[in-house]
Amino acid sequence: MGWLSRLGGNLTPPEEFRDPPLARRLFGDPTWSWVWLVVRVYLGYEWIQAGWHKVTDPRWMATGEAVKGFWTRAVAVPDAPARPPITYDWYRGFIEALLEGGHYVWFAKLVAVSEVVIGVALVAGALVGISAFAGAFMNWNFMMAGTASTNPVMFAISMLLIMAWKTAGWWGLDRWLLPMLGTPWQAGGLFRRGGGSNGGGQQTAASTVPHRAEGGGGGGG
């Protein structure tokens, strides 16, 4: 393996590729955050509208019959040449296990409340990246169960909001939440000790949510 070590020693560090200027502006510059304001309010409204009728329906909040019926139809395997709603056997087995265990009672409540909470968080601009991820995960599960409807469009919009997590909530609560809470790789003001590390002083909102797109989209300090 000596030749491999010699080869590795002659390798130059890989070149760092930067995002295109348009991507840096859209996903890292608060100047364009108004675009994500429109997008996230639309998506949030869709989630609230989808969830509100569920939280007021006993079939969702009491008996879970709505989810039971949906799962029953989803796991059905029709005679050939018709194709079943669920393509993957492992996912059908997962739904069947939930159905046989009677988990639709609590699962229906979880779906209904989650849809409303996700919608409110998106409209308010609170933890947009996490809220959009949660919504996308729900869309993915609906699609895996054989339901298209608006799920593909909502999933695609959620992916864009996830990529724009630093600025999508600039016109919303994230302007204060992100600097306060930070990220797993960068502590926010709430979790830092002594007003910053290495004598850097108090961190401002600009170090967590960038003001300009220069320097690879900003953000992250």
C-alpha atoms as a PDB file:
ATOM      1  CA  MET A   1       0.000   0.000   0.000  1.00  0.00           C
ATOM      2  CA  GLY A   2       3.065   2.223  -0.114  1.00  0.00           C
ATOM      3  CA  TRP A   3       2.209   3.340  -3.640  1.00  0.00           C
ATOM      4  CA  LEU A   4      -1.174   4.540  -2.381  1.00  0.00           C
ATOM      5  CA  SER A   5       0.485   6.666   0.314  1.00  0.00           C
ATOM      6  CA  ARG A   6       2.882   8.142  -2.215  1.00  0.00           C
ATOM      7  CA  LEU A   7      -0.022   8.858  -4.568  1.00  0.00           C
ATOM      8  CA  GLY A   8      -1.971  10.533  -1.771  1.00  0.00           C
ATOM      9  CA  GLY A   9       1.006  12.652  -0.854  1.00  0.00           C
ATOM     10  CA  ASN A  10       1.155  14.069  -4.376  1.00  0.00           C
ATOM     11  CA  LEU A  11      -2.494  15.000  -4.512  1.00  0.00           C
ATOM     12  CA  THR A  12      -3.344  18.676  -4.247  1.00  0.00           C
ATOM     13  CA  PRO A  13      -6.298  19.741  -2.090  1.00  0.00           C
ATOM     14  CA  PRO A  14      -9.566  19.719  -4.055  1.00  0.00           C
ATOM     15  CA  GLU A  15     -10.698  23.041  -5.389  1.00  0.00           C
ATOM     16  CA  GLU A  16     -13.532  24.630  -3.452  1.00  0.00           C
ATOM     17  CA  PHE A  17     -16.515  25.256  -5.699  1.00  0.00           C
ATOM     18  CA  ARG A  18     -18.774  28.145  -4.826  1.00  0.00           C
ATOM     19  CA  ASP A  19     -22.486  28.384  -5.431  1.00  0.00           C
ATOM     20  CA  PRO A  20     -23.664  30.348  -8.476  1.00  0.00           C
ATOM     21  CA  PRO A  21     -24.264  34.057  -7.771  1.00  0.00           C
ATOM     22  CA  LEU A  22     -28.020  33.656  -8.234  1.00  0.00           C
ATOM     23  CA  ALA A  23     -28.136  30.827  -5.688  1.00  0.00           C
ATOM     24  CA  ARG A  24     -26.088  32.865  -3.216  1.00  0.00           C
ATOM     25  CA  ARG A  25     -28.512  35.752  -3.549  1.00  0.00           C
ATOM     26  CA  LEU A  26     -31.682  33.689  -3.340  1.00  0.00           C
ATOM     27  CA  PHE A  27     -30.601  31.406  -0.513  1.00  0.00           C
ATOM     28  CA  GLY A  28     -28.242  33.645   1.452  1.00  0.00           C
ATOM     29  CA  ASP A  29     -29.169  37.300   1.010  1.00  0.00           C
ATOM     30  CA  PRO A  30     -31.999  38.752   3.130  1.00  0.00           C
ATOM     31  CA  THR A  31     -32.578  41.299   0.365  1.00  0.00           C
ATOM     32  CA  TRP A  32     -34.433  38.492  -1.439  1.00  0.00           C
ATOM     33  CA  SER A  33     -36.192  37.193   1.655  1.00  0.00           C
ATOM     34  CA  TRP A  34     -39.468  38.726   0.458  1.00  0.00           C
ATOM     35  CA  VAL A  35     -39.580  35.959  -2.165  1.00  0.00           C
ATOM     36  CA  TRP A  36     -39.505  33.327   0.563  1.00  0.00           C
ATOM     37  CA  LEU A  37     -42.064  35.277   2.563  1.00  0.00           C
ATOM     38  CA  VAL A  38     -44.560  34.816  -0.273  1.00  0.00           C
ATOM     39  CA  VAL A  39     -43.583  31.172  -0.773  1.00  0.00           C
ATOM     40  CA  ARG A  40     -43.739  30.171   2.870  1.00  0.00           C
ATOM     41  CA  VAL A  41     -47.032  31.988   3.547  1.00  0.00           C
ATOM     42  CA  TYR A  42     -48.588  30.173   0.588  1.00  0.00           C
ATOM     43  CA  LEU A  43     -47.272  26.815   1.788  1.00  0.00           C
ATOM     44  CA  GLY A  44     -48.266  27.542   5.376  1.00  0.00           C
ATOM     45  CA  TYR A  45     -51.782  28.447   4.301  1.00  0.00           C
ATOM     46  CA  GLU A  46     -52.048  25.157   2.418  1.00  0.00           C
ATOM     47  CA  TRP A  47     -51.016  23.235   5.536  1.00  0.00           C
ATOM     48  CA  ILE A  48     -53.408  25.144   7.792  1.00  0.00           C
ATOM     49  CA  GLN A  49     -56.246  24.618   5.352  1.00  0.00           C
ATOM     50  CA  ALA A  50     -55.464  20.896   5.103  1.00  0.00           C
ATOM     51  CA  GLY A  51     -55.182  20.447   8.855  1.00  0.00           C
ATOM     52  CA  TRP A  52     -57.953  22.651  10.167  1.00  0.00           C
ATOM     53  CA  HIS A  53     -60.830  20.499   8.960  1.00  0.00           C
ATOM     54  CA  LYS A  54     -59.053  17.492  10.490  1.00  0.00           C
ATOM     55  CA  VAL A  55     -58.718  18.960  13.996  1.00  0.00           C
ATOM     56  CA  THR A  56     -62.450  19.715  13.961  1.00  0.00           C
ATOM     57  CA  ASP A  57     -63.427  16.251  12.684  1.00  0.00           C
ATOM     58  CA  PRO A  58     -64.089  13.445  15.231  1.00  0.00           C
ATOM     59  CA  ARG A  59     -62.925  10.867  12.680  1.00  0.00           C
ATOM     60  CA  TRP A  60     -59.458  12.367  13.052  1.00  0.00           C
ATOM     61  CA  MET A  61     -59.416  13.587  16.652  1.00  0.00           C
ATOM     62  CA  ALA A  62     -61.473  10.870  18.356  1.00  0.00           C
ATOM     63  CA  THR A  63     -61.770   7.552  16.548  1.00  0.00           C
ATOM     64  CA  GLY A  64     -59.029   7.774  13.929  1.00  0.00           C
ATOM     65  CA  GLU A  65     -61.399   6.237  11.382  1.00  0.00           C
ATOM     66  CA  ALA A  66     -60.184   8.648   8.684  1.00  0.00           C
ATOM     67  CA  VAL A  67     -56.628   7.311   8.863  1.00  0.00           C
ATOM     68  CA  LYS A  68     -57.859   3.731   9.241  1.00  0.00           C
ATOM     69  CA  GLY A  69     -59.805   4.036   5.999  1.00  0.00           C
ATOM     70  CA  PHE A  70     -56.880   5.688   4.221  1.00  0.00           C
ATOM     71  CA  TRP A  71     -54.438   2.986   5.333  1.00  0.00           C
ATOM     72  CA  THR A  72     -56.880   0.206   4.441  1.00  0.00           C
ATOM     73  CA  ARG A  73     -57.198   1.498   0.889  1.00  0.00           C
ATOM     74  CA  ALA A  74     -53.464   2.093   0.633  1.00  0.00           C
ATOM     75  CA  VAL A  75     -52.412  -1.470   1.560  1.00  0.00           C
ATOM     76  CA  ALA A  76     -54.978  -3.139  -0.710  1.00  0.00           C
ATOM     77  CA  VAL A  77     -53.418  -5.149  -3.543  1.00  0.00           C
ATOM     78  CA  PRO A  78     -55.781  -5.358  -6.546  1.00  0.00           C
ATOM     79  CA  ASP A  79     -55.805  -8.128  -9.117  1.00  0.00           C
ATOM     80  CA  ALA A  80     -53.392  -7.814 -12.023  1.00  0.00           C
ATOM     81  CA  PRO A  81     -52.899  -5.916 -14.254  1.00  0.00           C
ATOM     82  CA  ALA A  82     -53.960  -3.166 -11.820  1.00  0.00           C
ATOM     83  CA  ARG A  83     -51.157  -1.822  -9.647  1.00  0.00           C
ATOM     84  CA  PRO A  84     -51.395  -1.337  -5.870  1.00  0.00           C
ATOM     85  CA  PRO A  85     -51.286   2.198  -4.445  1.00  0.00           C
ATOM     86  CA  ILE A  86     -48.076   1.408  -2.534  1.00  0.00           C
ATOM     87  CA  THR A  87     -45.182   0.375  -4.753  1.00  0.00           C
ATOM     88  CA  TYR A  88     -42.687  -0.770  -2.133  1.00  0.00           C
ATOM     89  CA  ASP A  89     -43.444  -3.884  -0.105  1.00  0.00           C
ATOM     90  CA  TRP A  90     -41.461  -2.676   2.928  1.00  0.00           C
ATOM     91  CA  TYR A  91     -43.607   0.434   3.182  1.00  0.00           C
ATOM     92  CA  ARG A  92     -46.809  -1.570   2.759  1.00  0.00           C
ATOM     93  CA  GLY A  93     -45.651  -3.845   5.573  1.00  0.00           C
ATOM     94  CA  PHE A  94     -44.980  -0.812   7.751  1.00  0.00           C
ATOM     95  CA  ILE A  95     -48.499   0.556   7.180  1.00  0.00           C
ATOM     96  CA  GLU A  96     -50.044  -2.877   7.726  1.00  0.00           C
ATOM     97  CA  ALA A  97     -48.254  -3.166  11.086  1.00  0.00           C
ATOM     98  CA  LEU A  98     -49.623   0.221  12.155  1.00  0.00           C
ATOM     99  CA  LEU A  99     -53.085  -0.738  10.947  1.00  0.00           C
ATOM    100  CA  GLU A 100     -53.146  -4.110  12.713  1.00  0.00           C
ATOM    101  CA  GLY A 101     -51.871  -2.526  15.914  1.00  0.00           C
ATOM    102  CA  GLY A 102     -54.668   0.024  15.959  1.00  0.00           C
ATOM    103  CA  HIS A 103     -52.193   2.890  15.873  1.00  0.00           C
ATOM    104  CA  TYR A 104     -54.444   4.921  13.610  1.00  0.00           C
ATOM    105  CA  VAL A 105     -56.223   6.324  16.701  1.00  0.00           C
ATOM    106  CA  TRP A 106     -53.227   8.351  17.925  1.00  0.00           C
ATOM    107  CA  PHE A 107     -51.638   8.693  14.506  1.00  0.00           C
ATOM    108  CA  ALA A 108     -54.667  10.564  13.167  1.00  0.00           C
ATOM    109  CA  LYS A 109     -54.356  13.127  15.961  1.00  0.00           C
ATOM    110  CA  LEU A 110     -50.633  13.488  15.253  1.00  0.00           C
ATOM    111  CA  VAL A 111     -51.246  14.146  11.552  1.00  0.00           C
ATOM    112  CA  ALA A 112     -54.028  16.659  12.136  1.00  0.00           C
ATOM    113  CA  VAL A 113     -52.215  18.685  14.794  1.00  0.00           C
ATOM    114  CA  SER A 114     -48.884  18.524  12.948  1.00  0.00           C
ATOM    115  CA  GLU A 115     -50.393  19.960   9.777  1.00  0.00           C
ATOM    116  CA  VAL A 116     -51.755  22.961  11.641  1.00  0.00           C
ATOM    117  CA  VAL A 117     -48.550  23.505  13.625  1.00  0.00           C
ATOM    118  CA  ILE A 118     -46.396  23.313  10.494  1.00  0.00           C
ATOM    119  CA  GLY A 119     -48.665  25.786   8.727  1.00  0.00           C
ATOM    120  CA  VAL A 120     -48.617  28.282  11.588  1.00  0.00           C
ATOM    121  CA  ALA A 121     -44.831  28.013  11.935  1.00  0.00           C
ATOM    122  CA  LEU A 122     -44.313  28.655   8.216  1.00  0.00           C
ATOM    123  CA  VAL A 123     -46.632  31.656   8.164  1.00  0.00           C
ATOM    124  CA  ALA A 124     -44.973  33.082  11.273  1.00  0.00           C
ATOM    125  CA  GLY A 125     -41.496  32.386   9.912  1.00  0.00           C
ATOM    126  CA  ALA A 126     -40.516  30.302  12.946  1.00  0.00           C
ATOM    127  CA  LEU A 127     -37.729  27.761  12.360  1.00  0.00           C
ATOM    128  CA  VAL A 128     -38.621  27.664   8.683  1.00  0.00           C
ATOM    129  CA  GLY A 129     -36.009  25.079   7.722  1.00  0.00           C
ATOM    130  CA  ILE A 130     -37.190  22.598  10.358  1.00  0.00           C
ATOM    131  CA  SER A 131     -40.869  23.312   9.666  1.00  0.00           C
ATOM    132  CA  ALA A 132     -40.389  22.834   5.933  1.00  0.00           C
ATOM    133  CA  PHE A 133     -38.520  19.565   6.547  1.00  0.00           C
ATOM    134  CA  ALA A 134     -41.351  18.277   8.737  1.00  0.00           C
ATOM    135  CA  GLY A 135     -43.864  19.207   6.047  1.00  0.00           C
ATOM    136  CA  ALA A 136     -41.779  17.576   3.327  1.00  0.00           C
ATOM    137  CA  PHE A 137     -41.567  14.390   5.393  1.00  0.00           C
ATOM    138  CA  MET A 138     -45.358  14.299   5.654  1.00  0.00           C
ATOM    139  CA  ASN A 139     -45.689  14.920   1.901  1.00  0.00           C
ATOM    140  CA  TRP A 140     -43.227  12.093   1.257  1.00  0.00           C
ATOM    141  CA  ASN A 141     -45.273   9.692   3.365  1.00  0.00           C
ATOM    142  CA  PHE A 142     -48.493  10.641   1.596  1.00  0.00           C
ATOM    143  CA  MET A 143     -46.830  10.036  -1.757  1.00  0.00           C
ATOM    144  CA  MET A 144     -45.347   6.727  -0.586  1.00  0.00           C
ATOM    145  CA  ALA A 145     -48.881   5.681   0.352  1.00  0.00           C
ATOM    146  CA  GLY A 146     -50.002   6.338  -3.206  1.00  0.00           C
ATOM    147  CA  THR A 147     -51.560   9.787  -2.835  1.00  0.00           C
ATOM    148  CA  ALA A 148     -50.433  12.497  -5.244  1.00  0.00           C
ATOM    149  CA  SER A 149     -52.865  15.436  -5.005  1.00  0.00           C
ATOM    150  CA  THR A 150     -50.878  18.578  -4.089  1.00  0.00           C
ATOM    151  CA  ASN A 151     -48.127  16.643  -2.308  1.00  0.00           C
ATOM    152  CA  PRO A 152     -45.495  16.762  -5.099  1.00  0.00           C
ATOM    153  CA  VAL A 153     -45.822  20.547  -5.419  1.00  0.00           C
ATOM    154  CA  MET A 154     -45.754  21.092  -1.656  1.00  0.00           C
ATOM    155  CA  PHE A 155     -42.743  18.783  -1.366  1.00  0.00           C
ATOM    156  CA  ALA A 156     -40.835  20.745  -4.016  1.00  0.00           C
ATOM    157  CA  ILE A 157     -41.631  24.075  -2.330  1.00  0.00           C
ATOM    158  CA  SER A 158     -40.495  22.665   1.001  1.00  0.00           C
ATOM    159  CA  MET A 159     -37.161  21.648  -0.522  1.00  0.00           C
ATOM    160  CA  LEU A 160     -36.603  25.229  -1.674  1.00  0.00           C
ATOM    161  CA  LEU A 161     -37.437  26.585   1.786  1.00  0.00           C
ATOM    162  CA  ILE A 162     -35.019  24.129   3.369  1.00  0.00           C
ATOM    163  CA  MET A 163     -32.249  25.413   1.099  1.00  0.00           C
ATOM    164  CA  ALA A 164     -33.201  28.989   2.014  1.00  0.00           C
ATOM    165  CA  TRP A 165     -33.397  28.289   5.756  1.00  0.00           C
ATOM    166  CA  LYS A 166     -31.017  31.136   6.669  1.00  0.00           C
ATOM    167  CA  THR A 167     -33.169  33.879   5.157  1.00  0.00           C
ATOM    168  CA  ALA A 168     -36.622  32.370   4.495  1.00  0.00           C
ATOM    169  CA  GLY A 169     -37.798  33.562   7.910  1.00  0.00           C
ATOM    170  CA  TRP A 170     -36.064  36.949   7.844  1.00  0.00           C
ATOM    171  CA  TRP A 171     -39.472  38.615   7.583  1.00  0.00           C
ATOM    172  CA  GLY A 172     -40.694  36.588  10.523  1.00  0.00           C
ATOM    173  CA  LEU A 173     -39.672  35.161  13.871  1.00  0.00           C
ATOM    174  CA  ASP A 174     -36.467  33.597  12.568  1.00  0.00           C
ATOM    175  CA  ARG A 175     -34.860  37.042  12.492  1.00  0.00           C
ATOM    176  CA  TRP A 176     -34.679  36.677  16.291  1.00  0.00           C
ATOM    177  CA  LEU A 177     -34.949  32.918  16.795  1.00  0.00           C
ATOM    178  CA  LEU A 178     -31.927  31.926  14.702  1.00  0.00           C
ATOM    179  CA  PRO A 179     -29.442  34.274  16.426  1.00  0.00           C
ATOM    180  CA  MET A 180     -30.876  33.257  19.784  1.00  0.00           C
ATOM    181  CA  LEU A 181     -30.978  29.477  19.285  1.00  0.00           C
ATOM    182  CA  GLY A 182     -28.202  29.060  16.719  1.00  0.00           C
ATOM    183  CA  THR A 183     -27.575  25.708  15.026  1.00  0.00           C
ATOM    184  CA  PRO A 184     -26.034  22.374  16.112  1.00  0.00           C
ATOM    185  CA  TRP A 185     -22.726  23.568  14.634  1.00  0.00           C
ATOM    186  CA  GLN A 186     -22.911  27.181  15.865  1.00  0.00           C
ATOM    187  CA  ALA A 187     -24.274  28.046  19.278  1.00  0.00           C
ATOM    188  CA  GLY A 188     -26.727  30.904  19.527  1.00  0.00           C
ATOM    189  CA  GLY A 189     -26.771  33.648  22.099  1.00  0.00           C
ATOM    190  CA  LEU A 190     -29.004  31.610  24.404  1.00  0.00           C
ATOM    191  CA  PHE A 191     -26.414  28.839  24.731  1.00  0.00           C
ATOM    192  CA  ARG A 192     -23.144  30.766  24.651  1.00  0.00           C
ATOM    193  CA  ARG A 193     -21.286  31.641  27.827  1.00  0.00           C
ATOM    194  CA  GLY A 194     -19.553  34.901  28.481  1.00  0.00           C
ATOM    195  CA  GLY A 195     -21.056  36.702  25.482  1.00  0.00           C
ATOM    196  CA  GLY A 196     -19.036  34.871  22.834  1.00  0.00           C
ATOM    197  CA  SER A 197     -15.915  32.769  22.455  1.00  0.00           C
ATOM    198  CA  ASN A 198     -12.273  33.664  21.902  1.00  0.00           C
ATOM    199  CA  GLY A 199     -12.899  37.245  22.866  1.00  0.00           C
ATOM    200  CA  GLY A 200     -15.070  37.762  19.847  1.00  0.00           C
ATOM    201  CA  GLY A 201     -17.619  39.788  21.793  1.00  0.00           C
ATOM    202  CA  GLN A 202     -21.344  39.683  21.427  1.00  0.00           C
ATOM    203  CA  GLN A 203     -22.571  37.927  18.322  1.00  0.00           C
ATOM    204  CA  THR A 204     -25.141  39.849  16.350  1.00  0.00           C
ATOM    205  CA  ALA A 205     -28.044  38.601  14.290  1.00  0.00           C
ATOM    206  CA  ALA A 206     -26.010  39.250  11.152  1.00  0.00           C
ATOM    207  CA  SER A 207     -23.537  36.479  12.028  1.00  0.00           C
ATOM    208  CA  THR A 208     -26.270  33.855  11.994  1.00  0.00           C
ATOM    209  CA  VAL A 209     -28.578  35.281   9.350  1.00  0.00           C
ATOM    210  CA  PRO A 210     -26.465  36.993   6.673  1.00  0.00           C
ATOM    211  CA  HIS A 211     -27.090  40.505   5.435  1.00  0.00           C
ATOM    212  CA  ARG A 212     -25.304  40.103   2.128  1.00  0.00           C
ATOM    213  CA  ALA A 213     -24.653  37.328  -0.334  1.00  0.00           C
ATOM    214  CA  GLU A 214     -20.915  38.004  -0.801  1.00  0.00           C
ATOM    215  CA  GLY A 215     -18.518  35.402   0.473  1.00  0.00           C
ATOM    216  CA  GLY A 216     -20.455  32.292  -0.556  1.00  0.00           C
ATOM    217  CA  GLY A 217     -23.897  33.203   0.710  1.00  0.00           C
ATOM    218  CA  GLY A 218     -22.907  34.429   4.169  1.00  0.00           C
ATOM    219  CA  GLY A 219     -24.200  32.892   7.334  1.00  0.00           C
ATOM    220  CA  GLY A 220     -22.500  30.663   9.793  1.00  0.00           C
ATOM    221  CA  GLY A 221     -20.242  33.412  11.113  1.00  0.00           C
END
